[in-house]
Protein backbone atom coordinates (compact mmCIF):
# COMPACT_ATOMS: atom_id res chain seq x y z
CA MET A 1 51.99 -14.67 124.67
CA LYS A 2 53.86 -11.86 122.30
CA PRO A 3 55.17 -8.66 124.89
CA ILE A 4 52.73 -6.69 123.02
CA VAL A 5 49.96 -8.52 123.60
CA ARG A 6 50.67 -9.68 126.77
CA THR A 7 50.75 -5.92 127.67
CA ALA A 8 47.79 -5.06 125.76
CA LEU A 9 45.68 -7.36 127.95
CA LEU A 10 47.03 -6.44 130.93
CA GLY A 11 45.75 -3.11 129.89
CA LEU A 12 42.65 -3.94 128.81
CA THR A 13 42.05 -6.36 132.46
CA LEU A 14 43.30 -2.40 134.45
CA ALA A 15 41.15 -0.52 132.69
CA THR A 16 38.14 -3.09 133.49
CA LEU A 17 39.00 -3.52 137.28
CA VAL A 18 39.46 0.58 137.87
CA PRO A 19 36.49 2.68 137.21
CA PRO A 20 37.33 5.94 135.23
CA ALA A 21 37.84 9.05 137.72
CA ALA A 22 35.09 10.90 136.82
CA ASN A 23 32.84 8.37 138.07
CA ALA A 24 34.20 8.77 141.46
CA HIS A 25 34.22 12.65 141.06
CA GLY A 26 32.77 15.07 143.83
CA PRO A 27 31.39 18.59 143.63
CA THR A 28 33.63 20.83 142.22
CA ARG A 29 34.44 24.83 144.15
CA GLN A 30 31.98 26.81 142.40
CA LYS A 31 32.74 30.97 142.20
CA VAL A 32 31.10 33.57 141.30
CA SER A 33 32.01 37.84 140.81
CA GLU A 34 29.84 40.41 140.57
CA SER A 35 30.16 44.37 139.64
CA VAL A 36 28.73 47.36 139.77
CA ASP A 37 29.52 51.22 138.51
CA ILE A 38 28.45 53.47 141.30
CA ALA A 39 28.32 57.21 140.48
CA ALA A 40 29.61 58.13 143.80
CA PRO A 41 33.35 58.58 144.92
CA PRO A 42 34.90 55.47 146.71
CA ALA A 43 35.30 56.27 150.20
CA GLU A 44 31.42 57.85 150.19
CA VAL A 45 31.16 54.23 149.47
CA TRP A 46 33.10 52.52 151.64
CA ALA A 47 31.16 54.35 154.26
CA LEU A 48 28.06 52.74 153.75
CA ILE A 49 29.39 49.06 153.30
CA GLY A 50 32.89 48.94 154.81
CA ASP A 51 31.45 48.62 158.58
CA PHE A 52 31.27 44.66 158.76
CA GLN A 53 28.68 44.88 161.70
CA ALA A 54 26.39 47.15 159.52
CA ALA A 55 25.17 44.29 156.54
CA ASP A 56 21.46 45.76 157.07
CA ALA A 57 22.24 49.42 155.97
CA TRP A 58 22.61 48.19 152.44
CA LEU A 59 21.71 44.73 151.81
CA PRO A 60 18.10 44.65 150.65
CA ILE A 61 17.40 40.63 152.50
CA VAL A 62 19.07 41.50 155.52
CA THR A 63 16.79 43.09 158.18
CA ALA A 64 19.22 43.44 161.19
CA SER A 65 22.66 42.50 161.97
CA ARG A 66 24.12 42.24 165.28
CA GLY A 67 27.96 40.54 166.11
CA GLU A 68 30.74 41.40 167.43
CA GLY A 69 34.81 42.22 167.20
CA GLY A 70 33.60 45.31 165.04
CA ASN A 71 36.23 45.05 162.06
CA GLU A 72 39.15 43.08 163.27
CA PRO A 73 39.95 39.57 162.00
CA THR A 74 37.75 37.18 164.19
CA ALA A 75 34.50 39.32 164.39
CA THR A 76 31.10 37.65 163.56
CA ARG A 77 28.18 38.61 162.60
CA THR A 78 24.79 37.34 162.45
CA LEU A 79 22.56 38.32 159.93
CA VAL A 80 18.55 38.52 160.32
CA LEU A 81 17.48 37.82 157.17
CA ASP A 82 13.70 38.75 156.24
CA GLY A 83 11.45 35.91 157.00
CA GLY A 84 13.43 35.36 160.16
CA ALA A 85 16.72 32.91 158.98
CA GLU A 86 19.62 33.65 160.59
CA LEU A 87 23.17 33.78 159.14
CA VAL A 88 26.08 33.84 161.63
CA GLU A 89 29.52 35.38 159.35
CA LEU A 90 33.18 35.28 160.57
CA LEU A 91 35.39 38.61 159.10
CA LYS A 92 39.10 36.97 157.80
CA LYS A 93 40.69 40.10 157.33
CA HIS A 94 39.35 44.30 156.54
CA ASP A 95 41.56 46.69 155.63
CA ASP A 96 40.25 50.35 155.30
CA ALA A 97 42.93 51.56 153.12
CA LYS A 98 42.02 49.16 150.30
CA MET A 99 38.43 49.53 150.85
CA SER A 100 38.26 45.86 150.57
CA TYR A 101 36.75 42.95 153.26
CA SER A 102 36.62 39.40 153.39
CA TYR A 103 34.38 37.02 154.86
CA ARG A 104 33.48 33.22 155.94
CA ILE A 105 30.32 31.22 156.61
CA PRO A 106 31.74 28.73 159.59
CA ASP A 107 30.45 25.35 158.11
CA ALA A 108 29.48 24.47 161.38
CA THR A 109 26.76 26.96 161.94
CA HIS A 110 25.58 27.33 158.16
CA ASP A 111 22.28 26.12 157.55
CA VAL A 112 22.44 25.05 153.82
CA ALA A 113 18.60 25.71 153.96
CA ILE A 114 19.24 28.89 154.13
CA LEU A 115 22.40 29.28 150.99
CA PRO A 116 22.81 26.18 149.25
CA VAL A 117 26.55 25.92 149.77
CA ASN A 118 29.23 24.90 151.95
CA ASN A 119 32.50 26.21 152.32
CA TYR A 120 31.65 29.88 151.45
CA SER A 121 34.22 32.91 151.74
CA SER A 122 33.62 36.03 150.02
CA THR A 123 35.73 39.33 149.03
CA LEU A 124 33.74 42.58 149.27
CA SER A 125 35.59 45.66 147.85
CA VAL A 126 35.81 49.23 145.93
CA ALA A 127 37.47 50.76 143.52
CA ALA A 128 38.20 54.52 142.04
CA ASN A 129 36.10 54.25 138.47
CA GLY A 130 37.00 57.71 137.22
CA ASP A 131 34.48 59.82 139.30
CA GLY A 132 33.08 57.17 140.65
CA SER A 133 33.28 53.96 141.93
CA THR A 134 33.56 50.05 140.65
CA VAL A 135 32.08 48.21 143.70
CA THR A 136 33.23 44.18 143.34
CA TRP A 137 31.91 41.12 145.40
CA LYS A 138 33.25 37.78 144.76
CA GLY A 139 32.51 34.69 146.21
CA ALA A 140 34.01 30.84 146.43
CA PHE A 141 32.03 27.78 147.64
CA TYR A 142 31.18 24.82 147.17
CA ARG A 143 27.09 23.14 146.91
CA GLY A 144 25.22 22.37 149.15
CA TYR A 145 25.17 19.15 149.07
CA PRO A 146 28.48 17.45 149.17
CA ASN A 147 28.21 14.30 147.36
CA ASN A 148 27.35 12.88 144.46
CA ASP A 149 23.60 13.30 142.84
CA PRO A 150 22.82 16.13 144.76
CA PRO A 151 19.21 17.32 145.19
CA PRO A 152 18.10 19.73 142.80
CA GLU A 153 18.34 22.38 145.40
CA LEU A 154 21.44 21.71 146.85
CA ASN A 155 23.22 20.86 143.40
CA ASP A 156 26.02 23.49 141.82
CA GLU A 157 23.27 25.53 139.53
CA ALA A 158 21.28 26.18 142.65
CA ALA A 159 24.10 27.70 144.53
CA VAL A 160 26.08 29.81 141.72
CA ALA A 161 22.41 31.16 141.44
CA ALA A 162 21.80 31.86 145.06
CA VAL A 163 25.24 33.70 145.53
CA THR A 164 24.63 35.18 141.99
CA GLY A 165 20.94 36.90 143.06
CA VAL A 166 22.00 37.62 146.71
CA TYR A 167 25.46 39.68 144.77
CA ARG A 168 23.12 41.50 142.42
CA ALA A 169 20.41 42.76 145.00
CA GLY A 170 22.90 43.39 147.26
CA LEU A 171 24.76 46.07 144.00
CA ALA A 172 21.53 46.80 142.32
CA HIS A 173 20.19 48.45 145.96
CA LEU A 174 23.52 49.60 146.99
CA LYS A 175 23.66 51.43 143.60
CA THR A 176 20.20 52.88 144.22
CA LEU A 177 20.92 53.73 147.72
CA LEU A 178 23.71 55.81 146.45
CA GLU A 179 22.84 57.55 143.48
CA SER A 180 19.29 58.57 144.90
CA LYS A 181 20.98 61.22 147.11
């Protein structure tokens, strides 16, 4: 048998024995970034959103917020959502000078029925924009169902839609609160 034919047959045999990598692909990390311009100075915006423990002051789906640790790394907060569900979040870093904080949802405490994501982390920040501010809320996460063939309520689209909805509603409400003064 000629070397070229032998190589071709070997390649064909291996291709039938080894399934394509795409068939074994798991979930892909999703990202959402939403921003809003607000006609208020950054210090005023940060005064409202900068306290990690006070999400109920501006986030419309949160009816109460309680926690421990203030704005120190590893502080926790429990958000009581409209309807009574609770969501625990852990502060990773907080920087008053940069008007930014980052947090995550510990998977061990998270119920994907509340927010259809896993391995969720987020950053909320305020920046000067002319006479006003721009607030940016960024998140990265995996869908709520970690294996292949997720149910529709736990797939990538559901995860992105849920996080986008929370961010847009929160930022729109924040804008209304600050611009209606």
